[in-house]
C-alpha atoms as a PDB file:
ATOM      1  CA  MET A   1     -45.971 -33.401  -3.765  1.00  0.00           C
ATOM      2  CA  ARG A   2     -44.518 -31.205  -0.860  1.00  0.00           C
ATOM      3  CA  LEU A   3     -45.281 -27.563  -1.215  1.00  0.00           C
ATOM      4  CA  PRO A   4     -42.827 -25.010  -0.001  1.00  0.00           C
ATOM      5  CA  PRO A   5     -42.590 -24.392   3.628  1.00  0.00           C
ATOM      6  CA  ALA A   6     -45.077 -21.420   4.108  1.00  0.00           C
ATOM      7  CA  THR A   7     -43.547 -21.159   7.774  1.00  0.00           C
ATOM      8  CA  LEU A   8     -40.278 -22.091  10.269  1.00  0.00           C
ATOM      9  CA  GLU A   9     -42.130 -24.651  11.939  1.00  0.00           C
ATOM     10  CA  ASP A  10     -42.643 -25.768   8.373  1.00  0.00           C
ATOM     11  CA  ARG A  11     -39.279 -25.620   7.098  1.00  0.00           C
ATOM     12  CA  PHE A  12     -38.005 -28.003  10.574  1.00  0.00           C
ATOM     13  CA  ALA A  13     -40.998 -30.311  10.169  1.00  0.00           C
ATOM     14  CA  VAL A  14     -39.964 -31.266   6.540  1.00  0.00           C
ATOM     15  CA  LEU A  15     -36.350 -32.105   8.298  1.00  0.00           C
ATOM     16  CA  ALA A  16     -37.999 -34.600  11.019  1.00  0.00           C
ATOM     17  CA  LEU A  17     -41.008 -35.839   8.054  1.00  0.00           C
ATOM     18  CA  ASP A  18     -37.231 -36.659   5.880  1.00  0.00           C
ATOM     19  CA  CYS A  19     -35.422 -38.931   8.737  1.00  0.00           C
ATOM     20  CA  VAL A  20     -37.794 -39.860  10.760  1.00  0.00           C
ATOM     21  CA  HIS A  21     -38.157 -43.301   8.889  1.00  0.00           C
ATOM     22  CA  ARG A  22     -34.639 -42.961   7.248  1.00  0.00           C
ATOM     23  CA  GLN A  23     -32.664 -45.906   8.604  1.00  0.00           C
ATOM     24  CA  TYR A  24     -29.478 -45.274   6.783  1.00  0.00           C
ATOM     25  CA  PRO A  25     -27.092 -43.814   7.810  1.00  0.00           C
ATOM     26  CA  ASN A  26     -27.102 -44.862  11.379  1.00  0.00           C
ATOM     27  CA  LYS A  27     -24.712 -44.675  14.308  1.00  0.00           C
ATOM     28  CA  ILE A  28     -25.826 -46.818  17.190  1.00  0.00           C
ATOM     29  CA  SER A  29     -24.477 -47.154  20.644  1.00  0.00           C
ATOM     30  CA  HIS A  30     -25.318 -50.591  21.130  1.00  0.00           C
ATOM     31  CA  LEU A  31     -24.467 -53.271  23.988  1.00  0.00           C
ATOM     32  CA  LEU A  32     -24.533 -56.950  22.134  1.00  0.00           C
ATOM     33  CA  ASN A  33     -25.023 -59.687  24.808  1.00  0.00           C
ATOM     34  CA  SER A  34     -24.681 -62.383  21.894  1.00  0.00           C
ATOM     35  CA  ASP A  35     -24.602 -63.041  18.575  1.00  0.00           C
ATOM     36  CA  ALA A  36     -28.151 -62.555  17.943  1.00  0.00           C
ATOM     37  CA  ASP A  37     -28.052 -58.850  18.959  1.00  0.00           C
ATOM     38  CA  ALA A  38     -26.231 -58.188  16.212  1.00  0.00           C
ATOM     39  CA  GLN A  39     -29.521 -56.980  13.955  1.00  0.00           C
ATOM     40  CA  THR A  40     -30.251 -53.811  11.898  1.00  0.00           C
ATOM     41  CA  PRO A  41     -31.250 -50.189  13.454  1.00  0.00           C
ATOM     42  CA  ARG A  42     -35.316 -50.683  12.764  1.00  0.00           C
ATOM     43  CA  ASP A  43     -34.730 -54.240  14.228  1.00  0.00           C
ATOM     44  CA  LEU A  44     -33.584 -53.019  17.590  1.00  0.00           C
ATOM     45  CA  PHE A  45     -35.302 -50.030  17.568  1.00  0.00           C
ATOM     46  CA  PRO A  46     -38.673 -50.618  15.918  1.00  0.00           C
ATOM     47  CA  ALA A  47     -40.344 -47.218  16.460  1.00  0.00           C
ATOM     48  CA  PHE A  48     -37.144 -44.710  17.054  1.00  0.00           C
ATOM     49  CA  TYR A  49     -34.683 -46.449  14.798  1.00  0.00           C
ATOM     50  CA  GLY A  50     -34.285 -43.356  11.835  1.00  0.00           C
ATOM     51  CA  CYS A  51     -32.693 -39.780  12.358  1.00  0.00           C
ATOM     52  CA  PHE A  52     -29.058 -41.265  12.475  1.00  0.00           C
ATOM     53  CA  ASP A  53     -29.291 -42.446  15.920  1.00  0.00           C
ATOM     54  CA  TRP A  54     -32.228 -43.143  18.852  1.00  0.00           C
ATOM     55  CA  HIS A  55     -31.910 -39.563  20.362  1.00  0.00           C
ATOM     56  CA  SER A  56     -32.145 -37.655  17.141  1.00  0.00           C
ATOM     57  CA  SER A  57     -35.784 -40.050  16.600  1.00  0.00           C
ATOM     58  CA  VAL A  58     -37.388 -39.494  19.344  1.00  0.00           C
ATOM     59  CA  HIS A  59     -36.789 -35.625  19.377  1.00  0.00           C
ATOM     60  CA  GLY A  60     -38.017 -35.877  15.463  1.00  0.00           C
ATOM     61  CA  HIS A  61     -41.277 -37.167  17.254  1.00  0.00           C
ATOM     62  CA  TRP A  62     -41.059 -34.599  19.519  1.00  0.00           C
ATOM     63  CA  LEU A  63     -40.578 -31.749  16.802  1.00  0.00           C
ATOM     64  CA  LEU A  64     -43.278 -33.503  14.996  1.00  0.00           C
ATOM     65  CA  THR A  65     -45.775 -33.785  17.806  1.00  0.00           C
ATOM     66  CA  ARG A  66     -44.958 -30.106  18.784  1.00  0.00           C
ATOM     67  CA  ILE A  67     -46.067 -28.825  15.273  1.00  0.00           C
ATOM     68  CA  LEU A  68     -49.270 -30.757  15.794  1.00  0.00           C
ATOM     69  CA  THR A  69     -49.767 -28.962  19.238  1.00  0.00           C
ATOM     70  CA  GLN A  70     -48.601 -25.519  18.111  1.00  0.00           C
ATOM     71  CA  GLN A  71     -49.585 -24.927  14.656  1.00  0.00           C
ATOM     72  CA  PRO A  72     -53.188 -26.181  13.817  1.00  0.00           C
ATOM     73  CA  GLY A  73     -53.770 -26.669  10.241  1.00  0.00           C
ATOM     74  CA  SER A  74     -49.632 -26.934   9.473  1.00  0.00           C
ATOM     75  CA  THR A  75     -49.375 -27.808   5.505  1.00  0.00           C
ATOM     76  CA  TYR A  76     -47.849 -31.226   6.586  1.00  0.00           C
ATOM     77  CA  GLU A  77     -50.607 -32.526   9.167  1.00  0.00           C
ATOM     78  CA  ALA A  78     -51.543 -34.957   7.538  1.00  0.00           C
ATOM     79  CA  GLU A  79     -48.184 -36.413   6.674  1.00  0.00           C
ATOM     80  CA  ILE A  80     -46.834 -35.711  10.357  1.00  0.00           C
ATOM     81  CA  ARG A  81     -49.896 -38.107  11.738  1.00  0.00           C
ATOM     82  CA  ASP A  82     -49.215 -40.395   9.299  1.00  0.00           C
ATOM     83  CA  LYS A  83     -45.500 -41.240  10.328  1.00  0.00           C
ATOM     84  CA  LEU A  84     -46.149 -40.851  14.111  1.00  0.00           C
ATOM     85  CA  ALA A  85     -48.736 -43.305  13.708  1.00  0.00           C
ATOM     86  CA  THR A  86     -46.671 -45.302  11.821  1.00  0.00           C
ATOM     87  CA  SER A  87     -44.096 -45.023  15.152  1.00  0.00           C
ATOM     88  CA  LEU A  88     -46.283 -45.229  18.134  1.00  0.00           C
ATOM     89  CA  THR A  89     -47.840 -48.629  17.744  1.00  0.00           C
ATOM     90  CA  ASP A  90     -48.629 -50.675  20.705  1.00  0.00           C
ATOM     91  CA  ALA A  91     -46.339 -53.718  19.052  1.00  0.00           C
ATOM     92  CA  LYS A  92     -43.325 -51.409  17.736  1.00  0.00           C
ATOM     93  CA  ILE A  93     -43.185 -49.479  22.116  1.00  0.00           C
ATOM     94  CA  ALA A  94     -43.278 -53.207  23.294  1.00  0.00           C
ATOM     95  CA  GLY A  95     -39.902 -53.684  20.961  1.00  0.00           C
ATOM     96  CA  GLU A  96     -38.266 -50.727  22.706  1.00  0.00           C
ATOM     97  CA  VAL A  97     -39.264 -51.524  26.272  1.00  0.00           C
ATOM     98  CA  ALA A  98     -37.658 -55.416  25.267  1.00  0.00           C
ATOM     99  CA  TYR A  99     -34.460 -53.824  24.229  1.00  0.00           C
ATOM    100  CA  PHE A 100     -34.205 -51.310  27.521  1.00  0.00           C
ATOM    101  CA  SER A 101     -34.902 -54.260  29.604  1.00  0.00           C
ATOM    102  CA  GLU A 102     -32.214 -56.779  28.568  1.00  0.00           C
ATOM    103  CA  GLU A 103     -28.919 -57.442  30.843  1.00  0.00           C
ATOM    104  CA  GLY A 104     -26.624 -54.310  30.402  1.00  0.00           C
ATOM    105  CA  ARG A 105     -28.683 -51.440  29.144  1.00  0.00           C
ATOM    106  CA  GLY A 106     -29.706 -49.625  32.005  1.00  0.00           C
ATOM    107  CA  SER A 107     -27.856 -46.839  31.134  1.00  0.00           C
ATOM    108  CA  PHE A 108     -28.858 -46.174  27.441  1.00  0.00           C
ATOM    109  CA  GLU A 109     -29.549 -43.052  26.192  1.00  0.00           C
ATOM    110  CA  ARG A 110     -29.086 -41.984  29.837  1.00  0.00           C
ATOM    111  CA  PRO A 111     -29.567 -39.186  30.225  1.00  0.00           C
ATOM    112  CA  TYR A 112     -29.952 -37.348  27.062  1.00  0.00           C
ATOM    113  CA  GLY A 113     -31.960 -39.627  25.081  1.00  0.00           C
ATOM    114  CA  ILE A 114     -34.532 -40.516  27.873  1.00  0.00           C
ATOM    115  CA  ALA A 115     -34.867 -36.766  28.822  1.00  0.00           C
ATOM    116  CA  TRP A 116     -36.027 -36.356  25.425  1.00  0.00           C
ATOM    117  CA  PHE A 117     -38.408 -39.277  25.145  1.00  0.00           C
ATOM    118  CA  LEU A 118     -39.804 -37.457  28.520  1.00  0.00           C
ATOM    119  CA  GLN A 119     -40.584 -34.527  26.538  1.00  0.00           C
ATOM    120  CA  LEU A 120     -42.300 -36.159  24.008  1.00  0.00           C
ATOM    121  CA  VAL A 121     -44.556 -37.825  26.476  1.00  0.00           C
ATOM    122  CA  ALA A 122     -45.190 -34.235  27.818  1.00  0.00           C
ATOM    123  CA  GLU A 123     -45.817 -32.791  24.654  1.00  0.00           C
ATOM    124  CA  LEU A 124     -48.627 -35.515  24.113  1.00  0.00           C
ATOM    125  CA  GLU A 125     -49.587 -35.033  27.901  1.00  0.00           C
ATOM    126  CA  GLU A 126     -50.576 -31.465  27.223  1.00  0.00           C
ATOM    127  CA  SER A 127     -52.960 -32.242  24.317  1.00  0.00           C
ATOM    128  CA  ASP A 128     -56.626 -32.752  24.286  1.00  0.00           C
ATOM    129  CA  ASP A 129     -56.701 -34.470  20.578  1.00  0.00           C
ATOM    130  CA  ARG A 130     -58.167 -37.588  20.464  1.00  0.00           C
ATOM    131  CA  GLU A 131     -55.104 -39.406  18.338  1.00  0.00           C
ATOM    132  CA  LEU A 132     -52.353 -37.602  20.499  1.00  0.00           C
ATOM    133  CA  SER A 133     -54.109 -39.035  23.702  1.00  0.00           C
ATOM    134  CA  GLU A 134     -54.073 -42.526  21.947  1.00  0.00           C
ATOM    135  CA  TRP A 135     -50.327 -42.146  21.587  1.00  0.00           C
ATOM    136  CA  ARG A 136     -49.514 -40.591  24.808  1.00  0.00           C
ATOM    137  CA  GLU A 137     -50.667 -43.832  26.256  1.00  0.00           C
ATOM    138  CA  THR A 138     -49.483 -46.254  23.675  1.00  0.00           C
ATOM    139  CA  LEU A 139     -45.790 -44.702  25.616  1.00  0.00           C
ATOM    140  CA  ARG A 140     -46.801 -45.443  28.714  1.00  0.00           C
ATOM    141  CA  PRO A 141     -45.125 -49.024  29.095  1.00  0.00           C
ATOM    142  CA  LEU A 142     -41.723 -47.550  27.942  1.00  0.00           C
ATOM    143  CA  GLU A 143     -42.483 -44.221  30.080  1.00  0.00           C
ATOM    144  CA  ASP A 144     -43.102 -46.692  32.995  1.00  0.00           C
ATOM    145  CA  LYS A 145     -39.551 -48.497  32.422  1.00  0.00           C
ATOM    146  CA  ILE A 146     -37.630 -45.184  31.780  1.00  0.00           C
ATOM    147  CA  THR A 147     -38.908 -42.975  35.000  1.00  0.00           C
ATOM    148  CA  ALA A 148     -38.089 -46.587  37.125  1.00  0.00           C
ATOM    149  CA  GLU A 149     -34.910 -46.226  35.707  1.00  0.00           C
ATOM    150  CA  ILE A 150     -34.430 -42.586  36.425  1.00  0.00           C
ATOM    151  CA  THR A 151     -35.504 -43.292  39.706  1.00  0.00           C
ATOM    152  CA  GLY A 152     -32.929 -46.126  40.339  1.00  0.00           C
ATOM    153  CA  TRP A 153     -30.056 -43.878  39.182  1.00  0.00           C
ATOM    154  CA  LEU A 154     -30.311 -40.525  40.455  1.00  0.00           C
ATOM    155  CA  PRO A 155     -29.635 -41.757  44.304  1.00  0.00           C
ATOM    156  CA  ARG A 156     -26.509 -43.193  42.711  1.00  0.00           C
ATOM    157  CA  LEU A 157     -25.271 -40.297  40.785  1.00  0.00           C
ATOM    158  CA  ALA A 158     -22.637 -39.052  43.449  1.00  0.00           C
ATOM    159  CA  TYR A 159     -21.065 -35.605  40.885  1.00  0.00           C
ATOM    160  CA  PRO A 160     -22.927 -33.800  38.230  1.00  0.00           C
ATOM    161  CA  VAL A 161     -21.890 -34.110  34.508  1.00  0.00           C
ATOM    162  CA  ARG A 162     -20.455 -31.075  33.052  1.00  0.00           C
ATOM    163  CA  LEU A 163     -19.873 -31.824  29.666  1.00  0.00           C
ATOM    164  CA  GLY A 164     -21.369 -30.172  27.123  1.00  0.00           C
ATOM    165  CA  THR A 165     -22.866 -32.923  24.622  1.00  0.00           C
ATOM    166  CA  HIS A 166     -25.222 -35.861  25.636  1.00  0.00           C
ATOM    167  CA  ASN A 167     -24.241 -36.967  28.962  1.00  0.00           C
ATOM    168  CA  GLN A 168     -24.373 -33.475  30.895  1.00  0.00           C
ATOM    169  CA  THR A 169     -26.999 -33.832  33.454  1.00  0.00           C
ATOM    170  CA  ALA A 170     -28.468 -30.084  33.889  1.00  0.00           C
ATOM    171  CA  PHE A 171     -29.974 -29.810  30.257  1.00  0.00           C
ATOM    172  CA  ALA A 172     -31.214 -33.870  30.926  1.00  0.00           C
ATOM    173  CA  PHE A 173     -32.998 -32.808  34.836  1.00  0.00           C
ATOM    174  CA  GLY A 174     -34.607 -29.318  33.184  1.00  0.00           C
ATOM    175  CA  LEU A 175     -36.695 -31.436  30.150  1.00  0.00           C
ATOM    176  CA  MET A 176     -36.902 -34.261  33.454  1.00  0.00           C
ATOM    177  CA  LEU A 177     -38.033 -31.657  35.382  1.00  0.00           C
ATOM    178  CA  ASP A 178     -40.779 -30.315  33.222  1.00  0.00           C
ATOM    179  CA  TYR A 179     -42.096 -33.539  32.389  1.00  0.00           C
ATOM    180  CA  ALA A 180     -42.649 -34.533  35.711  1.00  0.00           C
ATOM    181  CA  ARG A 181     -44.687 -31.230  36.647  1.00  0.00           C
ATOM    182  CA  THR A 182     -46.638 -32.202  33.464  1.00  0.00           C
ATOM    183  CA  VAL A 183     -47.516 -35.769  34.553  1.00  0.00           C
ATOM    184  CA  GLY A 184     -47.506 -35.023  38.042  1.00  0.00           C
ATOM    185  CA  ASN A 185     -45.257 -37.068  38.877  1.00  0.00           C
ATOM    186  CA  GLN A 186     -44.358 -35.604  42.668  1.00  0.00           C
ATOM    187  CA  ASP A 187     -41.857 -38.347  43.598  1.00  0.00           C
ATOM    188  CA  LEU A 188     -39.871 -37.955  40.476  1.00  0.00           C
ATOM    189  CA  GLU A 189     -40.154 -33.784  40.969  1.00  0.00           C
ATOM    190  CA  GLN A 190     -39.047 -34.244  44.299  1.00  0.00           C
ATOM    191  CA  ALA A 191     -35.930 -36.576  43.244  1.00  0.00           C
ATOM    192  CA  LEU A 192     -34.946 -34.216  41.057  1.00  0.00           C
ATOM    193  CA  VAL A 193     -35.306 -30.595  42.668  1.00  0.00           C
ATOM    194  CA  GLU A 194     -33.226 -32.241  45.662  1.00  0.00           C
ATOM    195  CA  LYS A 195     -29.963 -33.576  43.378  1.00  0.00           C
ATOM    196  CA  THR A 196     -30.503 -29.959  41.568  1.00  0.00           C
ATOM    197  CA  LEU A 197     -29.733 -28.117  44.508  1.00  0.00           C
ATOM    198  CA  ALA A 198     -27.331 -30.638  45.910  1.00  0.00           C
ATOM    199  CA  PHE A 199     -25.013 -30.405  42.656  1.00  0.00           C
ATOM    200  CA  HIS A 200     -25.594 -26.558  42.430  1.00  0.00           C
ATOM    201  CA  ALA A 201     -26.805 -24.447  45.135  1.00  0.00           C
ATOM    202  CA  ASP A 202     -23.158 -23.760  46.186  1.00  0.00           C
ATOM    203  CA  ASP A 203     -21.531 -23.040  42.732  1.00  0.00           C
ATOM    204  CA  VAL A 204     -20.215 -19.779  42.158  1.00  0.00           C
ATOM    205  CA  ASP A 205     -17.620 -18.451  39.005  1.00  0.00           C
ATOM    206  CA  CYS A 206     -18.917 -20.405  36.382  1.00  0.00           C
ATOM    207  CA  PRO A 207     -15.868 -20.437  33.680  1.00  0.00           C
ATOM    208  CA  LEU A 208     -17.675 -19.317  30.714  1.00  0.00           C
ATOM    209  CA  ALA A 209     -15.004 -17.677  29.305  1.00  0.00           C
ATOM    210  CA  TYR A 210     -14.099 -21.014  28.409  1.00  0.00           C
ATOM    211  CA  GLU A 211     -17.065 -22.364  26.400  1.00  0.00           C
ATOM    212  CA  PRO A 212     -18.126 -23.216  24.054  1.00  0.00           C
ATOM    213  CA  SER A 213     -15.701 -26.583  23.800  1.00  0.00           C
ATOM    214  CA  GLY A 214     -15.339 -27.021  20.011  1.00  0.00           C
ATOM    215  CA  GLU A 215     -17.670 -29.976  19.903  1.00  0.00           C
ATOM    216  CA  ASP A 216     -20.240 -28.519  22.202  1.00  0.00           C
ATOM    217  CA  PHE A 217     -24.181 -28.276  21.597  1.00  0.00           C
ATOM    218  CA  LEU A 218     -25.095 -27.516  25.049  1.00  0.00           C
ATOM    219  CA  SER A 219     -23.695 -24.921  27.491  1.00  0.00           C
ATOM    220  CA  PRO A 220     -22.282 -26.062  30.490  1.00  0.00           C
ATOM    221  CA  CYS A 221     -22.820 -22.736  32.648  1.00  0.00           C
ATOM    222  CA  LEU A 222     -26.233 -21.577  30.621  1.00  0.00           C
ATOM    223  CA  MET A 223     -27.624 -24.716  30.874  1.00  0.00           C
ATOM    224  CA  GLU A 224     -27.459 -25.024  34.670  1.00  0.00           C
ATOM    225  CA  ALA A 225     -28.473 -21.453  35.257  1.00  0.00           C
ATOM    226  CA  ASP A 226     -31.564 -22.489  32.930  1.00  0.00           C
ATOM    227  CA  LEU A 227     -32.185 -25.589  35.680  1.00  0.00           C
ATOM    228  CA  MET A 228     -31.355 -23.663  38.700  1.00  0.00           C
ATOM    229  CA  ARG A 229     -34.318 -21.100  37.294  1.00  0.00           C
ATOM    230  CA  ARG A 230     -36.603 -24.157  37.761  1.00  0.00           C
ATOM    231  CA  VAL A 231     -36.194 -24.794  41.419  1.00  0.00           C
ATOM    232  CA  MET A 232     -35.781 -21.746  42.835  1.00  0.00           C
ATOM    233  CA  GLU A 233     -37.757 -18.782  43.536  1.00  0.00           C
ATOM    234  CA  PRO A 234     -36.975 -15.311  41.749  1.00  0.00           C
ATOM    235  CA  GLN A 235     -35.361 -13.347  43.991  1.00  0.00           C
ATOM    236  CA  ASP A 236     -33.104 -16.318  45.318  1.00  0.00           C
ATOM    237  CA  PHE A 237     -32.138 -16.999  41.566  1.00  0.00           C
ATOM    238  CA  ALA A 238     -31.329 -13.569  40.955  1.00  0.00           C
ATOM    239  CA  ASP A 239     -28.752 -13.788  44.139  1.00  0.00           C
ATOM    240  CA  TRP A 240     -27.231 -17.101  42.843  1.00  0.00           C
ATOM    241  CA  LEU A 241     -27.322 -16.431  39.580  1.00  0.00           C
ATOM    242  CA  GLY A 242     -25.070 -12.830  40.074  1.00  0.00           C
ATOM    243  CA  ALA A 243     -22.558 -15.418  42.025  1.00  0.00           C
ATOM    244  CA  PHE A 244     -22.490 -18.190  39.419  1.00  0.00           C
ATOM    245  CA  MET A 245     -22.148 -16.076  36.809  1.00  0.00           C
ATOM    246  CA  PRO A 246     -20.958 -12.188  37.551  1.00  0.00           C
ATOM    247  CA  SER A 247     -19.771 -11.328  34.333  1.00  0.00           C
ATOM    248  CA  ILE A 248     -23.376 -10.833  33.023  1.00  0.00           C
ATOM    249  CA  PRO A 249     -23.609  -7.315  32.053  1.00  0.00           C
ATOM    250  CA  ALA A 250     -26.258  -4.825  33.274  1.00  0.00           C
ATOM    251  CA  ASP A 251     -25.677  -2.256  30.235  1.00  0.00           C
ATOM    252  CA  GLY A 252     -28.235  -4.252  27.687  1.00  0.00           C
ATOM    253  CA  SER A 253     -25.689  -5.228  25.503  1.00  0.00           C
ATOM    254  CA  GLY A 254     -25.671  -8.621  23.941  1.00  0.00           C
ATOM    255  CA  ASP A 255     -21.884  -8.879  22.241  1.00  0.00           C
ATOM    256  CA  TRP A 256     -20.759 -10.458  25.769  1.00  0.00           C
ATOM    257  CA  LEU A 257     -21.259 -13.818  24.809  1.00  0.00           C
ATOM    258  CA  GLU A 258     -20.210 -14.590  21.091  1.00  0.00           C
ATOM    259  CA  PRO A 259     -21.872 -17.505  19.193  1.00  0.00           C
ATOM    260  CA  GLY A 260     -20.393 -20.625  17.847  1.00  0.00           C
ATOM    261  CA  ILE A 261     -18.447 -20.618  14.796  1.00  0.00           C
ATOM    262  CA  VAL A 262     -18.437 -23.731  12.438  1.00  0.00           C
ATOM    263  CA  LEU A 263     -16.027 -24.616   9.722  1.00  0.00           C
ATOM    264  CA  ASP A 264     -17.190 -27.738   7.907  1.00  0.00           C
ATOM    265  CA  ALA A 265     -21.034 -28.626   8.515  1.00  0.00           C
ATOM    266  CA  SER A 266     -20.427 -31.641   7.135  1.00  0.00           C
ATOM    267  CA  ASP A 267     -18.270 -33.111  10.265  1.00  0.00           C
ATOM    268  CA  GLY A 268     -20.950 -34.233  12.539  1.00  0.00           C
ATOM    269  CA  LYS A 269     -19.022 -32.876  15.636  1.00  0.00           C
ATOM    270  CA  LEU A 270     -18.171 -29.658  14.469  1.00  0.00           C
ATOM    271  CA  VAL A 271     -21.568 -28.951  13.507  1.00  0.00           C
ATOM    272  CA  HIS A 272     -22.745 -29.280  16.753  1.00  0.00           C
ATOM    273  CA  LEU A 273     -21.611 -25.560  17.264  1.00  0.00           C
ATOM    274  CA  ASP A 274     -24.744 -24.385  15.766  1.00  0.00           C
ATOM    275  CA  GLY A 275     -26.773 -26.308  17.998  1.00  0.00           C
ATOM    276  CA  VAL A 276     -25.136 -24.732  20.896  1.00  0.00           C
ATOM    277  CA  ASN A 277     -26.110 -21.317  19.494  1.00  0.00           C
ATOM    278  CA  LEU A 278     -29.880 -22.347  19.494  1.00  0.00           C
ATOM    279  CA  SER A 279     -29.508 -24.085  22.839  1.00  0.00           C
ATOM    280  CA  ARG A 280     -27.633 -21.511  24.274  1.00  0.00           C
ATOM    281  CA  ALA A 281     -30.474 -19.147  22.673  1.00  0.00           C
ATOM    282  CA  TRP A 282     -33.354 -20.630  24.851  1.00  0.00           C
ATOM    283  CA  ALA A 283     -31.282 -21.039  27.690  1.00  0.00           C
ATOM    284  CA  LEU A 284     -30.646 -17.501  27.367  1.00  0.00           C
ATOM    285  CA  GLU A 285     -34.253 -16.583  27.033  1.00  0.00           C
ATOM    286  CA  GLY A 286     -35.491 -18.834  30.233  1.00  0.00           C
ATOM    287  CA  ILE A 287     -32.668 -17.445  32.447  1.00  0.00           C
ATOM    288  CA  ALA A 288     -34.286 -14.024  31.734  1.00  0.00           C
ATOM    289  CA  SER A 289     -37.688 -15.377  31.941  1.00  0.00           C
ATOM    290  CA  ALA A 290     -37.214 -16.115  35.674  1.00  0.00           C
ATOM    291  CA  LEU A 291     -35.776 -13.039  36.925  1.00  0.00           C
ATOM    292  CA  PRO A 292     -37.196 -10.033  38.796  1.00  0.00           C
ATOM    293  CA  GLN A 293     -39.029  -7.867  36.592  1.00  0.00           C
ATOM    294  CA  ASP A 294     -36.505  -5.072  37.429  1.00  0.00           C
ATOM    295  CA  ASP A 295     -33.799  -7.013  37.123  1.00  0.00           C
ATOM    296  CA  ALA A 296     -30.783  -5.238  35.113  1.00  0.00           C
ATOM    297  CA  ARG A 297     -29.286  -7.863  33.580  1.00  0.00           C
ATOM    298  CA  ILE A 298     -32.477  -9.321  31.689  1.00  0.00           C
ATOM    299  CA  ALA A 299     -31.795  -6.648  28.556  1.00  0.00           C
ATOM    300  CA  ALA A 300     -28.667  -8.094  28.182  1.00  0.00           C
ATOM    301  CA  LEU A 301     -30.024 -12.005  28.377  1.00  0.00           C
ATOM    302  CA  ASP A 302     -32.137 -10.975  25.774  1.00  0.00           C
ATOM    303  CA  ALA A 303     -30.158  -9.551  23.418  1.00  0.00           C
ATOM    304  CA  ALA A 304     -27.350 -12.132  23.673  1.00  0.00           C
ATOM    305  CA  ALA A 305     -30.483 -14.482  23.189  1.00  0.00           C
ATOM    306  CA  ASP A 306     -31.193 -13.194  20.085  1.00  0.00           C
ATOM    307  CA  ILE A 307     -28.040 -12.987  18.364  1.00  0.00           C
ATOM    308  CA  HIS A 308     -27.781 -16.710  19.239  1.00  0.00           C
ATOM    309  CA  ALA A 309     -31.152 -17.631  17.773  1.00  0.00           C
ATOM    310  CA  LYS A 310     -30.571 -15.759  14.738  1.00  0.00           C
ATOM    311  CA  ALA A 311     -26.899 -17.419  13.884  1.00  0.00           C
ATOM    312  CA  GLY A 312     -28.375 -20.853  15.020  1.00  0.00           C
ATOM    313  CA  ILE A 313     -31.727 -20.871  13.377  1.00  0.00           C
ATOM    314  CA  ALA A 314     -29.349 -19.478  10.018  1.00  0.00           C
ATOM    315  CA  ALA A 315     -27.604 -22.351  10.007  1.00  0.00           C
ATOM    316  CA  VAL A 316     -31.109 -25.206   9.797  1.00  0.00           C
ATOM    317  CA  SER A 317     -30.780 -26.390   6.314  1.00  0.00           C
ATOM    318  CA  ASP A 318     -31.228 -30.083   4.589  1.00  0.00           C
ATOM    319  CA  GLU A 319     -27.142 -29.193   2.654  1.00  0.00           C
ATOM    320  CA  HIS A 320     -25.570 -31.922   5.463  1.00  0.00           C
ATOM    321  CA  TYR A 321     -26.948 -34.282   7.133  1.00  0.00           C
ATOM    322  CA  SER A 322     -25.119 -34.223  10.002  1.00  0.00           C
ATOM    323  CA  GLY A 323     -26.911 -31.462  10.747  1.00  0.00           C
ATOM    324  CA  SER A 324     -30.679 -31.637   9.547  1.00  0.00           C
ATOM    325  CA  HIS A 325     -31.342 -34.725  11.136  1.00  0.00           C
ATOM    326  CA  TRP A 326     -31.059 -32.837  14.531  1.00  0.00           C
ATOM    327  CA  LEU A 327     -30.836 -29.352  13.916  1.00  0.00           C
ATOM    328  CA  ALA A 328     -34.438 -28.855  13.386  1.00  0.00           C
ATOM    329  CA  SER A 329     -35.289 -30.026  16.918  1.00  0.00           C
ATOM    330  CA  PHE A 330     -33.460 -27.696  19.033  1.00  0.00           C
ATOM    331  CA  ALA A 331     -34.854 -24.820  16.373  1.00  0.00           C
ATOM    332  CA  THR A 332     -38.219 -25.761  17.205  1.00  0.00           C
ATOM    333  CA  TYR A 333     -37.112 -25.913  21.175  1.00  0.00           C
ATOM    334  CA  LEU A 334     -36.317 -22.817  20.821  1.00  0.00           C
ATOM    335  CA  ILE A 335     -38.857 -20.669  18.408  1.00  0.00           C
ATOM    336  CA  THR A 336     -41.705 -22.118  20.334  1.00  0.00           C
ATOM    337  CA  LYS A 337     -40.697 -21.210  23.747  1.00  0.00           C
ATOM    338  CA  ARG A 338     -41.036 -24.773  24.743  1.00  0.00           C
ATOM    339  CA  GLY A 339     -39.269 -24.600  28.183  1.00  0.00           C
ATOM    340  CA  ILE A 340     -40.737 -21.188  29.667  1.00  0.00           C
ATOM    341  CA  ALA A 341     -43.252 -21.591  32.365  1.00  0.00           C
ATOM    342  CA  GLY A 342     -46.300 -19.675  30.656  1.00  0.00           C
ATOM    343  CA  GLU A 343     -45.395 -19.979  27.105  1.00  0.00           C
ATOM    344  CA  THR A 344     -45.552 -23.707  26.546  1.00  0.00           C
END
């Protein structure tokens, strides 16, 4: 019998443990090439079939890996290792590769899900734990398949995708960049940096007042800024940010950006707004971390981040599967400061 979670990390781990091998309910985005492709999620995705959809399963596995690397001795360490060992086998990853290799599936989970997969690889790459290192090698065939797809896709991508949901490119580019730098893939890093600057170097006056949309879990404006701080020097970024989001105050206030409101947490789309609060919080922290230390906007960015973090973390619970299958991953990314250099 499980003990009550002692920390936020443990509370989030419980949610991932409960869903990574839960096959139903399940929402699949699946191209059928024939009758033979009408299969169960477990048959289609041998490793990542749980947590309602493929991308949530992937970042659920990332969450569990993050707990192992950041909270040694967790109450749930043995259970986490057992879950990961069950999923991350050579045979199951070969099944995932086979799925990606079928005709017409080159855009599967692009860019959101594959960005989270690369984040999982990066987490394992950084660990010197023997078992995690073995799982890192197990994932390499799917990693190679996915990075090849990204490398072919980037030159063909004519415009950024500025949505507040899965197809947004700014968020995915940020995770992909962090991965490329972690594993030393300089070709992918260069391609991402060049595309990021081509898309966004001249952007100005992002309409932050129009956010969030009713189903957003990512801020188009803040995620773009969180991406740009990864590819610019501090003073250049500070200047760019002034033109891009001129409304950031210099008085240290946090109420210049109000958290999103969820009126029905059982609705799988409306509950996205709990996620936007969490992702806004980490983006605000990331933006502040990249500015010169004397920048007058840092206090206001941190204050708004704190307000959003409190709202987002308070919403993470097991009451509705519509949120419990994924929000804990966002909360873990936030509280462990995964995307901020020097604090991962």
